[in-house]
Amino acid sequence: AIATPIVMLTPDSYTDGAIDKAFGMLVATTISAHSWIGMNYVATDYVPKISKSLLGPARVFNAALGFVTFVGLSKVALNNKGGVKGTVKGLWKPEKKKDV
């Protein structure tokens, strides 16, 4: 929990390369695992109220959703445009104005 703010606030010159990619993969793994586990609890609580036979397919869907989340975040983490840290920083960077 403390590593995320430390890595995000560390200058890019220190974290570019392997540290940035490892941090991105760690974030991708923890977010996808957290969402998969949480959604399984939601499915366990609420799907049987609709149909008990849908619990299995709901869990398969949640596993697939967790996998797709992991693959997408891993792709972001391993790209050469700043990874997860660069993506998060990009949310607050103003767009560059194009000269016409």
Protein backbone atom coordinates (compact mmCIF):
# COMPACT_ATOMS: atom_id res chain seq x y z
CA ALA A 1 0.00 0.00 0.00
CA ILE A 2 2.87 2.38 0.69
CA ALA A 3 4.82 1.38 -2.43
CA THR A 4 2.31 2.89 -4.86
CA PRO A 5 2.61 6.51 -3.69
CA ILE A 6 6.39 6.16 -3.39
CA VAL A 7 6.76 4.91 -6.97
CA MET A 8 4.27 7.45 -8.31
CA LEU A 9 6.08 10.37 -6.65
CA THR A 10 9.60 9.22 -7.55
CA PRO A 11 11.10 11.09 -10.52
CA ASP A 12 10.83 9.27 -13.85
CA SER A 13 14.60 9.14 -14.25
CA TYR A 14 14.79 6.74 -11.28
CA THR A 15 11.89 4.49 -12.20
CA ASP A 16 12.11 4.17 -15.99
CA GLY A 17 12.75 0.68 -17.28
CA ALA A 18 12.53 -2.47 -15.18
CA ILE A 19 11.23 -0.77 -12.02
CA ASP A 20 8.35 0.85 -13.91
CA LYS A 21 7.44 -2.39 -15.69
CA ALA A 22 7.62 -4.45 -12.46
CA PHE A 23 5.47 -1.88 -10.64
CA GLY A 24 2.97 -1.91 -13.51
CA MET A 25 2.73 -5.69 -13.49
CA LEU A 26 2.25 -5.67 -9.73
CA VAL A 27 -0.58 -3.15 -10.09
CA ALA A 28 -2.14 -5.16 -12.93
CA THR A 29 -2.02 -8.34 -10.86
CA THR A 30 -3.44 -6.83 -7.68
CA ILE A 31 -6.25 -4.91 -9.40
CA SER A 32 -7.39 -7.87 -11.49
CA ALA A 33 -7.18 -10.29 -8.54
CA HIS A 34 -9.04 -7.85 -6.30
CA SER A 35 -11.84 -7.38 -8.83
CA TRP A 36 -12.11 -11.12 -9.50
CA ILE A 37 -12.35 -11.98 -5.79
CA GLY A 38 -14.78 -9.16 -5.08
CA MET A 39 -17.05 -10.01 -8.00
CA ASN A 40 -17.10 -13.66 -6.91
CA TYR A 41 -18.45 -12.56 -3.53
CA VAL A 42 -21.07 -10.43 -5.27
CA ALA A 43 -22.04 -13.38 -7.48
CA THR A 44 -22.20 -15.72 -4.49
CA ASP A 45 -24.49 -13.31 -2.63
CA TYR A 46 -26.83 -12.19 -5.40
CA VAL A 47 -26.92 -14.69 -8.30
CA PRO A 48 -28.58 -17.53 -6.31
CA LYS A 49 -31.47 -15.16 -5.54
CA ILE A 50 -32.21 -15.14 -9.27
CA SER A 51 -31.24 -18.70 -10.20
CA LYS A 52 -28.93 -21.16 -8.45
CA SER A 53 -28.00 -22.71 -11.79
CA LEU A 54 -26.48 -19.40 -12.96
CA LEU A 55 -23.85 -19.30 -10.20
CA GLY A 56 -21.36 -21.43 -12.18
CA PRO A 57 -21.62 -19.37 -15.38
CA ALA A 58 -21.43 -16.15 -13.34
CA ARG A 59 -18.16 -17.31 -11.78
CA VAL A 60 -16.76 -18.25 -15.19
CA PHE A 61 -17.74 -14.80 -16.47
CA ASN A 62 -16.03 -13.17 -13.47
CA ALA A 63 -12.86 -15.20 -14.09
CA ALA A 64 -12.87 -14.16 -17.76
CA LEU A 65 -13.44 -10.53 -16.79
CA GLY A 66 -10.53 -10.70 -14.33
CA PHE A 67 -8.31 -12.22 -17.03
CA VAL A 68 -9.24 -9.54 -19.58
CA THR A 69 -8.56 -6.87 -16.95
CA PHE A 70 -5.14 -8.41 -16.26
CA VAL A 71 -4.25 -8.59 -19.95
CA GLY A 72 -5.31 -4.99 -20.60
CA LEU A 73 -3.47 -3.56 -17.60
CA SER A 74 -0.41 -5.69 -18.42
CA LYS A 75 -0.36 -4.24 -21.91
CA VAL A 76 -0.44 -0.74 -20.43
CA ALA A 77 2.30 -1.69 -17.93
CA LEU A 78 4.64 -3.08 -20.56
CA ASN A 79 4.31 -0.37 -23.22
CA ASN A 80 7.11 2.10 -23.79
CA LYS A 81 5.01 5.21 -23.18
CA GLY A 82 5.39 5.40 -19.42
CA GLY A 83 3.42 2.34 -18.32
CA VAL A 84 0.88 2.67 -15.51
CA LYS A 85 2.71 5.63 -13.99
CA GLY A 86 2.72 7.51 -17.30
CA THR A 87 -0.94 6.73 -17.88
CA VAL A 88 -1.96 8.04 -14.48
CA LYS A 89 0.20 11.15 -14.91
CA GLY A 90 -1.38 11.70 -18.34
CA LEU A 91 -4.76 12.20 -16.70
CA TRP A 92 -3.55 15.52 -15.27
CA LYS A 93 -1.36 16.73 -18.15
CA PRO A 94 -2.98 19.34 -20.34
CA GLU A 95 -3.25 18.50 -24.03
CA LYS A 96 -0.59 20.00 -26.27
CA LYS A 97 -2.06 22.59 -28.58
CA LYS A 98 -1.44 21.92 -32.24
CA ASP A 99 -0.25 24.82 -34.36
CA VAL A 100 -2.21 25.02 -37.58
